[in-house]
PDB file of N, CA and C in Angstrom:
ATOM      1  N   MET A   1     -26.851  34.948  33.384  1.00  0.00           N
ATOM      2  CA  MET A   1     -26.065  34.339  32.342  1.00  0.00           C
ATOM      3  C   MET A   1     -25.328  33.090  32.832  1.00  0.00           C
ATOM      4  N   GLU A   2     -25.122  33.011  34.156  1.00  0.00           N
ATOM      5  CA  GLU A   2     -24.330  31.897  34.660  1.00  0.00           C
ATOM      6  C   GLU A   2     -25.103  30.578  34.602  1.00  0.00           C
ATOM      7  N   ASN A   3     -26.391  30.579  34.330  1.00  0.00           N
ATOM      8  CA  ASN A   3     -27.187  29.362  34.224  1.00  0.00           C
ATOM      9  C   ASN A   3     -27.334  28.867  32.802  1.00  0.00           C
ATOM     10  N   LYS A   4     -26.628  29.472  31.883  1.00  0.00           N
ATOM     11  CA  LYS A   4     -26.782  29.121  30.467  1.00  0.00           C
ATOM     12  C   LYS A   4     -26.516  27.644  30.202  1.00  0.00           C
ATOM     13  N   GLY A   5     -25.464  27.108  30.826  1.00  0.00           N
ATOM     14  CA  GLY A   5     -25.130  25.699  30.624  1.00  0.00           C
ATOM     15  C   GLY A   5     -26.181  24.773  31.175  1.00  0.00           C
ATOM     16  N   SER A   6     -26.712  25.087  32.345  1.00  0.00           N
ATOM     17  CA  SER A   6     -27.738  24.213  32.946  1.00  0.00           C
ATOM     18  C   SER A   6     -29.052  24.300  32.159  1.00  0.00           C
ATOM     19  N   GLU A   7     -29.396  25.456  31.641  1.00  0.00           N
ATOM     20  CA  GLU A   7     -30.593  25.593  30.818  1.00  0.00           C
ATOM     21  C   GLU A   7     -30.438  24.772  29.539  1.00  0.00           C
ATOM     22  N   SER A   8     -29.281  24.814  28.949  1.00  0.00           N
ATOM     23  CA  SER A   8     -29.007  24.052  27.760  1.00  0.00           C
ATOM     24  C   SER A   8     -29.093  22.567  28.042  1.00  0.00           C
ATOM     25  N   SER A   9     -28.563  22.153  29.191  1.00  0.00           N
ATOM     26  CA  SER A   9     -28.608  20.735  29.579  1.00  0.00           C
ATOM     27  C   SER A   9     -30.040  20.267  29.796  1.00  0.00           C
ATOM     28  N   ILE A  10     -30.831  21.086  30.446  1.00  0.00           N
ATOM     29  CA  ILE A  10     -32.234  20.741  30.687  1.00  0.00           C
ATOM     30  C   ILE A  10     -32.966  20.614  29.379  1.00  0.00           C
ATOM     31  N   LEU A  11     -32.773  21.561  28.490  1.00  0.00           N
ATOM     32  CA  LEU A  11     -33.452  21.530  27.204  1.00  0.00           C
ATOM     33  C   LEU A  11     -33.011  20.302  26.405  1.00  0.00           C
ATOM     34  N   SER A  12     -31.737  19.970  26.417  1.00  0.00           N
ATOM     35  CA  SER A  12     -31.220  18.797  25.727  1.00  0.00           C
ATOM     36  C   SER A  12     -31.825  17.522  26.314  1.00  0.00           C
ATOM     37  N   PHE A  13     -31.934  17.465  27.627  1.00  0.00           N
ATOM     38  CA  PHE A  13     -32.520  16.289  28.291  1.00  0.00           C
ATOM     39  C   PHE A  13     -33.961  16.104  27.881  1.00  0.00           C
ATOM     40  N   ILE A  14     -34.733  17.192  27.901  1.00  0.00           N
ATOM     41  CA  ILE A  14     -36.146  17.118  27.535  1.00  0.00           C
ATOM     42  C   ILE A  14     -36.306  16.684  26.087  1.00  0.00           C
ATOM     43  N   LEU A  15     -35.547  17.310  25.181  1.00  0.00           N
ATOM     44  CA  LEU A  15     -35.634  16.962  23.764  1.00  0.00           C
ATOM     45  C   LEU A  15     -35.213  15.513  23.535  1.00  0.00           C
ATOM     46  N   GLY A  16     -34.168  15.077  24.210  1.00  0.00           N
ATOM     47  CA  GLY A  16     -33.727  13.692  24.067  1.00  0.00           C
ATOM     48  C   GLY A  16     -34.780  12.718  24.529  1.00  0.00           C
ATOM     49  N   GLY A  17     -35.414  13.033  25.651  1.00  0.00           N
ATOM     50  CA  GLY A  17     -36.496  12.177  26.149  1.00  0.00           C
ATOM     51  C   GLY A  17     -37.669  12.117  25.208  1.00  0.00           C
ATOM     52  N   LEU A  18     -38.039  13.248  24.637  1.00  0.00           N
ATOM     53  CA  LEU A  18     -39.157  13.285  23.708  1.00  0.00           C
ATOM     54  C   LEU A  18     -38.832  12.524  22.419  1.00  0.00           C
ATOM     55  N   ILE A  19     -37.614  12.664  21.935  1.00  0.00           N
ATOM     56  CA  ILE A  19     -37.214  11.953  20.730  1.00  0.00           C
ATOM     57  C   ILE A  19     -37.226  10.448  21.011  1.00  0.00           C
ATOM     58  N   GLY A  20     -36.660  10.053  22.157  1.00  0.00           N
ATOM     59  CA  GLY A  20     -36.666   8.630  22.518  1.00  0.00           C
ATOM     60  C   GLY A  20     -38.051   8.077  22.647  1.00  0.00           C
ATOM     61  N   ALA A  21     -38.938   8.824  23.305  1.00  0.00           N
ATOM     62  CA  ALA A  21     -40.313   8.366  23.469  1.00  0.00           C
ATOM     63  C   ALA A  21     -41.019   8.256  22.117  1.00  0.00           C
ATOM     64  N   SER A  22     -40.764   9.227  21.215  1.00  0.00           N
ATOM     65  CA  SER A  22     -41.350   9.190  19.893  1.00  0.00           C
ATOM     66  C   SER A  22     -40.901   7.957  19.132  1.00  0.00           C
ATOM     67  N   LEU A  23     -39.614   7.672  19.161  1.00  0.00           N
ATOM     68  CA  LEU A  23     -39.103   6.498  18.468  1.00  0.00           C
ATOM     69  C   LEU A  23     -39.658   5.222  19.065  1.00  0.00           C
ATOM     70  N   GLY A  24     -39.785   5.182  20.396  1.00  0.00           N
ATOM     71  CA  GLY A  24     -40.353   4.004  21.042  1.00  0.00           C
ATOM     72  C   GLY A  24     -41.782   3.762  20.612  1.00  0.00           C
ATOM     73  N   ILE A  25     -42.551   4.835  20.504  1.00  0.00           N
ATOM     74  CA  ILE A  25     -43.939   4.700  20.058  1.00  0.00           C
ATOM     75  C   ILE A  25     -44.000   4.228  18.604  1.00  0.00           C
ATOM     76  N   LEU A  26     -43.177   4.834  17.767  1.00  0.00           N
ATOM     77  CA  LEU A  26     -43.216   4.487  16.352  1.00  0.00           C
ATOM     78  C   LEU A  26     -42.798   3.059  16.066  1.00  0.00           C
ATOM     79  N   PHE A  27     -41.836   2.529  16.845  1.00  0.00           N
ATOM     80  CA  PHE A  27     -41.360   1.190  16.569  1.00  0.00           C
ATOM     81  C   PHE A  27     -42.003   0.111  17.440  1.00  0.00           C
ATOM     82  N   ALA A  28     -42.848   0.498  18.363  1.00  0.00           N
ATOM     83  CA  ALA A  28     -43.528  -0.474  19.221  1.00  0.00           C
ATOM     84  C   ALA A  28     -44.629  -1.169  18.417  1.00  0.00           C
ATOM     85  N   PRO A  29     -44.799  -2.462  18.633  1.00  0.00           N
ATOM     86  CA  PRO A  29     -45.851  -3.162  17.903  1.00  0.00           C
ATOM     87  C   PRO A  29     -47.233  -2.801  18.448  1.00  0.00           C
ATOM     88  N   ALA A  30     -47.940  -1.965  17.726  1.00  0.00           N
ATOM     89  CA  ALA A  30     -49.302  -1.558  18.097  1.00  0.00           C
ATOM     90  C   ALA A  30     -50.076  -1.235  16.826  1.00  0.00           C
ATOM     91  N   ALA A  31     -51.362  -1.226  16.960  1.00  0.00           N
ATOM     92  CA  ALA A  31     -52.210  -0.888  15.821  1.00  0.00           C
ATOM     93  C   ALA A  31     -51.970   0.570  15.436  1.00  0.00           C
ATOM     94  N   GLY A  32     -52.177   0.853  14.151  1.00  0.00           N
ATOM     95  CA  GLY A  32     -51.960   2.230  13.638  1.00  0.00           C
ATOM     96  C   GLY A  32     -52.789   3.239  14.379  1.00  0.00           C
ATOM     97  N   LYS A  33     -54.041   2.910  14.683  1.00  0.00           N
ATOM     98  CA  LYS A  33     -54.922   3.848  15.385  1.00  0.00           C
ATOM     99  C   LYS A  33     -54.361   4.142  16.782  1.00  0.00           C
ATOM    100  N   GLU A  34     -53.926   3.104  17.469  1.00  0.00           N
ATOM    101  CA  GLU A  34     -53.371   3.293  18.813  1.00  0.00           C
ATOM    102  C   GLU A  34     -52.077   4.101  18.762  1.00  0.00           C
ATOM    103  N   THR A  35     -51.220   3.833  17.774  1.00  0.00           N
ATOM    104  CA  THR A  35     -49.960   4.563  17.636  1.00  0.00           C
ATOM    105  C   THR A  35     -50.235   6.043  17.374  1.00  0.00           C
ATOM    106  N   ARG A  36     -51.181   6.337  16.509  1.00  0.00           N
ATOM    107  CA  ARG A  36     -51.541   7.742  16.214  1.00  0.00           C
ATOM    108  C   ARG A  36     -52.070   8.438  17.461  1.00  0.00           C
ATOM    109  N   LYS A  37     -52.866   7.717  18.261  1.00  0.00           N
ATOM    110  CA  LYS A  37     -53.399   8.287  19.489  1.00  0.00           C
ATOM    111  C   LYS A  37     -52.246   8.615  20.441  1.00  0.00           C
ATOM    112  N   LYS A  38     -51.315   7.709  20.620  1.00  0.00           N
ATOM    113  CA  LYS A  38     -50.180   7.939  21.500  1.00  0.00           C
ATOM    114  C   LYS A  38     -49.316   9.086  20.979  1.00  0.00           C
ATOM    115  N   LEU A  39     -49.110   9.127  19.679  1.00  0.00           N
ATOM    116  CA  LEU A  39     -48.324  10.169  19.086  1.00  0.00           C
ATOM    117  C   LEU A  39     -48.968  11.540  19.269  1.00  0.00           C
ATOM    118  N   LYS A  40     -50.273  11.579  19.127  1.00  0.00           N
ATOM    119  CA  LYS A  40     -51.021  12.830  19.334  1.00  0.00           C
ATOM    120  C   LYS A  40     -50.831  13.329  20.772  1.00  0.00           C
ATOM    121  N   ILE A  41     -50.934  12.432  21.733  1.00  0.00           N
ATOM    122  CA  ILE A  41     -50.753  12.811  23.135  1.00  0.00           C
ATOM    123  C   ILE A  41     -49.340  13.307  23.368  1.00  0.00           C
ATOM    124  N   LEU A  42     -48.358  12.598  22.802  1.00  0.00           N
ATOM    125  CA  LEU A  42     -46.972  13.002  22.953  1.00  0.00           C
ATOM    126  C   LEU A  42     -46.717  14.391  22.335  1.00  0.00           C
ATOM    127  N   LEU A  43     -47.279  14.634  21.169  1.00  0.00           N
ATOM    128  CA  LEU A  43     -47.109  15.939  20.528  1.00  0.00           C
ATOM    129  C   LEU A  43     -47.796  17.056  21.304  1.00  0.00           C
ATOM    130  N   GLU A  44     -48.929  16.759  21.938  1.00  0.00           N
ATOM    131  CA  GLU A  44     -49.597  17.767  22.771  1.00  0.00           C
ATOM    132  C   GLU A  44     -48.731  18.096  23.998  1.00  0.00           C
ATOM    133  N   GLN A  45     -48.105  17.063  24.570  1.00  0.00           N
ATOM    134  CA  GLN A  45     -47.196  17.300  25.706  1.00  0.00           C
ATOM    135  C   GLN A  45     -46.006  18.142  25.278  1.00  0.00           C
ATOM    136  N   LEU A  46     -45.438  17.824  24.116  1.00  0.00           N
ATOM    137  CA  LEU A  46     -44.319  18.584  23.587  1.00  0.00           C
ATOM    138  C   LEU A  46     -44.724  20.042  23.378  1.00  0.00           C
ATOM    139  N   ASP A  47     -45.904  20.263  22.857  1.00  0.00           N
ATOM    140  CA  ASP A  47     -46.393  21.618  22.629  1.00  0.00           C
ATOM    141  C   ASP A  47     -46.506  22.368  23.962  1.00  0.00           C
ATOM    142  N   ASP A  48     -47.088  21.719  24.962  1.00  0.00           N
ATOM    143  CA  ASP A  48     -47.224  22.349  26.281  1.00  0.00           C
ATOM    144  C   ASP A  48     -45.852  22.677  26.882  1.00  0.00           C
ATOM    145  N   GLU A  49     -44.922  21.719  26.836  1.00  0.00           N
ATOM    146  CA  GLU A  49     -43.606  21.927  27.399  1.00  0.00           C
ATOM    147  C   GLU A  49     -42.832  23.031  26.678  1.00  0.00           C
ATOM    148  N   SER A  50     -42.959  23.034  25.340  1.00  0.00           N
ATOM    149  CA  SER A  50     -42.228  24.052  24.574  1.00  0.00           C
ATOM    150  C   SER A  50     -42.795  25.449  24.854  1.00  0.00           C
ATOM    151  N   ARG A  51     -44.100  25.546  25.061  1.00  0.00           N
ATOM    152  CA  ARG A  51     -44.694  26.838  25.396  1.00  0.00           C
ATOM    153  C   ARG A  51     -44.218  27.312  26.772  1.00  0.00           C
ATOM    154  N   GLU A  52     -44.140  26.368  27.735  1.00  0.00           N
ATOM    155  CA  GLU A  52     -43.639  26.716  29.066  1.00  0.00           C
ATOM    156  C   GLU A  52     -42.190  27.197  29.013  1.00  0.00           C
ATOM    157  N   LEU A  53     -41.359  26.471  28.236  1.00  0.00           N
ATOM    158  CA  LEU A  53     -39.955  26.857  28.108  1.00  0.00           C
ATOM    159  C   LEU A  53     -39.822  28.217  27.441  1.00  0.00           C
ATOM    160  N   TYR A  54     -40.635  28.474  26.440  1.00  0.00           N
ATOM    161  CA  TYR A  54     -40.624  29.764  25.745  1.00  0.00           C
ATOM    162  C   TYR A  54     -40.955  30.873  26.733  1.00  0.00           C
ATOM    163  N   GLU A  55     -42.000  30.702  27.536  1.00  0.00           N
ATOM    164  CA  GLU A  55     -42.377  31.726  28.502  1.00  0.00           C
ATOM    165  C   GLU A  55     -41.274  31.944  29.542  1.00  0.00           C
ATOM    166  N   GLU A  56     -40.662  30.851  29.988  1.00  0.00           N
ATOM    167  CA  GLU A  56     -39.578  30.962  30.969  1.00  0.00           C
ATOM    168  C   GLU A  56     -38.404  31.736  30.400  1.00  0.00           C
ATOM    169  N   PHE A  57     -37.999  31.396  29.190  1.00  0.00           N
ATOM    170  CA  PHE A  57     -36.874  32.098  28.564  1.00  0.00           C
ATOM    171  C   PHE A  57     -37.221  33.548  28.234  1.00  0.00           C
ATOM    172  N   LYS A  58     -38.462  33.788  27.850  1.00  0.00           N
ATOM    173  CA  LYS A  58     -38.896  35.158  27.557  1.00  0.00           C
ATOM    174  C   LYS A  58     -38.834  36.008  28.825  1.00  0.00           C
ATOM    175  N   ASP A  59     -39.277  35.436  29.945  1.00  0.00           N
ATOM    176  CA  ASP A  59     -39.227  36.151  31.227  1.00  0.00           C
ATOM    177  C   ASP A  59     -37.785  36.450  31.635  1.00  0.00           C
ATOM    178  N   LYS A  60     -36.890  35.459  31.470  1.00  0.00           N
ATOM    179  CA  LYS A  60     -35.478  35.654  31.828  1.00  0.00           C
ATOM    180  C   LYS A  60     -34.818  36.714  30.927  1.00  0.00           C
ATOM    181  N   ALA A  61     -35.199  36.722  29.664  1.00  0.00           N
ATOM    182  CA  ALA A  61     -34.660  37.754  28.755  1.00  0.00           C
ATOM    183  C   ALA A  61     -35.146  39.125  29.163  1.00  0.00           C
ATOM    184  N   ALA A  62     -36.385  39.239  29.552  1.00  0.00           N
ATOM    185  CA  ALA A  62     -36.934  40.522  29.997  1.00  0.00           C
ATOM    186  C   ALA A  62     -36.230  41.004  31.263  1.00  0.00           C
ATOM    187  N   GLN A  63     -35.963  40.072  32.168  1.00  0.00           N
ATOM    188  CA  GLN A  63     -35.241  40.432  33.407  1.00  0.00           C
ATOM    189  C   GLN A  63     -33.834  40.924  33.064  1.00  0.00           C
ATOM    190  N   GLY A  64     -33.171  40.240  32.148  1.00  0.00           N
ATOM    191  CA  GLY A  64     -31.838  40.636  31.730  1.00  0.00           C
ATOM    192  C   GLY A  64     -31.855  42.007  31.092  1.00  0.00           C
ATOM    193  N   LYS A  65     -32.843  42.256  30.266  1.00  0.00           N
ATOM    194  CA  LYS A  65     -32.978  43.543  29.589  1.00  0.00           C
ATOM    195  C   LYS A  65     -33.152  44.661  30.633  1.00  0.00           C
ATOM    196  N   ARG A  66     -34.017  44.436  31.610  1.00  0.00           N
ATOM    197  CA  ARG A  66     -34.226  45.443  32.659  1.00  0.00           C
ATOM    198  C   ARG A  66     -32.949  45.707  33.440  1.00  0.00           C
ATOM    199  N   ARG A  67     -32.198  44.638  33.735  1.00  0.00           N
ATOM    200  CA  ARG A  67     -30.929  44.797  34.478  1.00  0.00           C
ATOM    201  C   ARG A  67     -29.941  45.630  33.669  1.00  0.00           C
ATOM    202  N   VAL A  68     -29.822  45.339  32.390  1.00  0.00           N
ATOM    203  CA  VAL A  68     -28.873  46.083  31.538  1.00  0.00           C
ATOM    204  C   VAL A  68     -29.298  47.547  31.419  1.00  0.00           C
ATOM    205  N   LEU A  69     -30.584  47.786  31.226  1.00  0.00           N
ATOM    206  CA  LEU A  69     -31.053  49.171  31.095  1.00  0.00           C
ATOM    207  C   LEU A  69     -30.832  49.947  32.405  1.00  0.00           C
ATOM    208  N   LYS A  70     -31.038  49.263  33.536  1.00  0.00           N
ATOM    209  CA  LYS A  70     -30.828  49.936  34.830  1.00  0.00           C
ATOM    210  C   LYS A  70     -29.364  50.305  35.001  1.00  0.00           C
ATOM    211  N   LYS A  71     -28.456  49.377  34.684  1.00  0.00           N
ATOM    212  CA  LYS A  71     -27.024  49.671  34.799  1.00  0.00           C
ATOM    213  C   LYS A  71     -26.599  50.785  33.835  1.00  0.00           C
ATOM    214  N   ALA A  72     -27.125  50.734  32.623  1.00  0.00           N
ATOM    215  CA  ALA A  72     -26.782  51.750  31.649  1.00  0.00           C
ATOM    216  C   ALA A  72     -27.288  53.115  32.094  1.00  0.00           C
ATOM    217  N   SER A  73     -28.483  53.142  32.655  1.00  0.00           N
ATOM    218  CA  SER A  73     -29.051  54.386  33.140  1.00  0.00           C
ATOM    219  C   SER A  73     -28.211  54.980  34.257  1.00  0.00           C
ATOM    220  N   LYS A  74     -27.769  54.121  35.209  1.00  0.00           N
ATOM    221  CA  LYS A  74     -26.923  54.589  36.288  1.00  0.00           C
ATOM    222  C   LYS A  74     -25.618  55.179  35.765  1.00  0.00           C
ATOM    223  N   LYS A  75     -24.997  54.477  34.809  1.00  0.00           N
ATOM    224  CA  LYS A  75     -23.729  54.975  34.242  1.00  0.00           C
ATOM    225  C   LYS A  75     -23.938  56.265  33.488  1.00  0.00           C
ATOM    226  N   LEU A  76     -25.045  56.363  32.789  1.00  0.00           N
ATOM    227  CA  LEU A  76     -25.334  57.606  32.045  1.00  0.00           C
ATOM    228  C   LEU A  76     -25.545  58.750  33.007  1.00  0.00           C
ATOM    229  N   ASN A  77     -26.222  58.490  34.115  1.00  0.00           N
ATOM    230  CA  ASN A  77     -26.418  59.533  35.130  1.00  0.00           C
ATOM    231  C   ASN A  77     -25.093  59.989  35.716  1.00  0.00           C
ATOM    232  N   LYS A  78     -24.181  59.045  35.995  1.00  0.00           N
ATOM    233  CA  LYS A  78     -22.857  59.385  36.517  1.00  0.00           C
ATOM    234  C   LYS A  78     -22.105  60.262  35.517  1.00  0.00           C
ATOM    235  N   LEU A  79     -22.176  59.895  34.241  1.00  0.00           N
ATOM    236  CA  LEU A  79     -21.478  60.658  33.196  1.00  0.00           C
ATOM    237  C   LEU A  79     -22.060  62.045  33.050  1.00  0.00           C
ATOM    238  N   SER A  80     -23.371  62.156  33.163  1.00  0.00           N
ATOM    239  CA  SER A  80     -24.000  63.479  32.974  1.00  0.00           C
ATOM    240  C   SER A  80     -23.743  64.394  34.159  1.00  0.00           C
ATOM    241  N   LYS A  81     -23.483  63.814  35.345  1.00  0.00           N
ATOM    242  CA  LYS A  81     -23.168  64.623  36.541  1.00  0.00           C
ATOM    243  C   LYS A  81     -21.707  65.032  36.575  1.00  0.00           C
ATOM    244  N   ALA A  82     -20.877  64.316  35.840  1.00  0.00           N
ATOM    245  CA  ALA A  82     -19.438  64.602  35.882  1.00  0.00           C
ATOM    246  C   ALA A  82     -19.071  65.829  35.067  1.00  0.00           C
TER     247      ALA A  82
END
């Protein structure tokens, strides 16, 4: 849980970069076909990065769940022995 701020910062940085790149592509003087090609590449990169972030956060959530269940199990065992 102590990394929550840094994870949020990283996500904000990535999203800000992608938004900036998208705006740069949209407002850059280029042919429509070329702009669509660049935008397609950018969206594919965004898709890949978002899937990686999802998997990373899913793994961290699973680790947290296991930690909580382990602690709860230990406390329950202590209570049942008392």
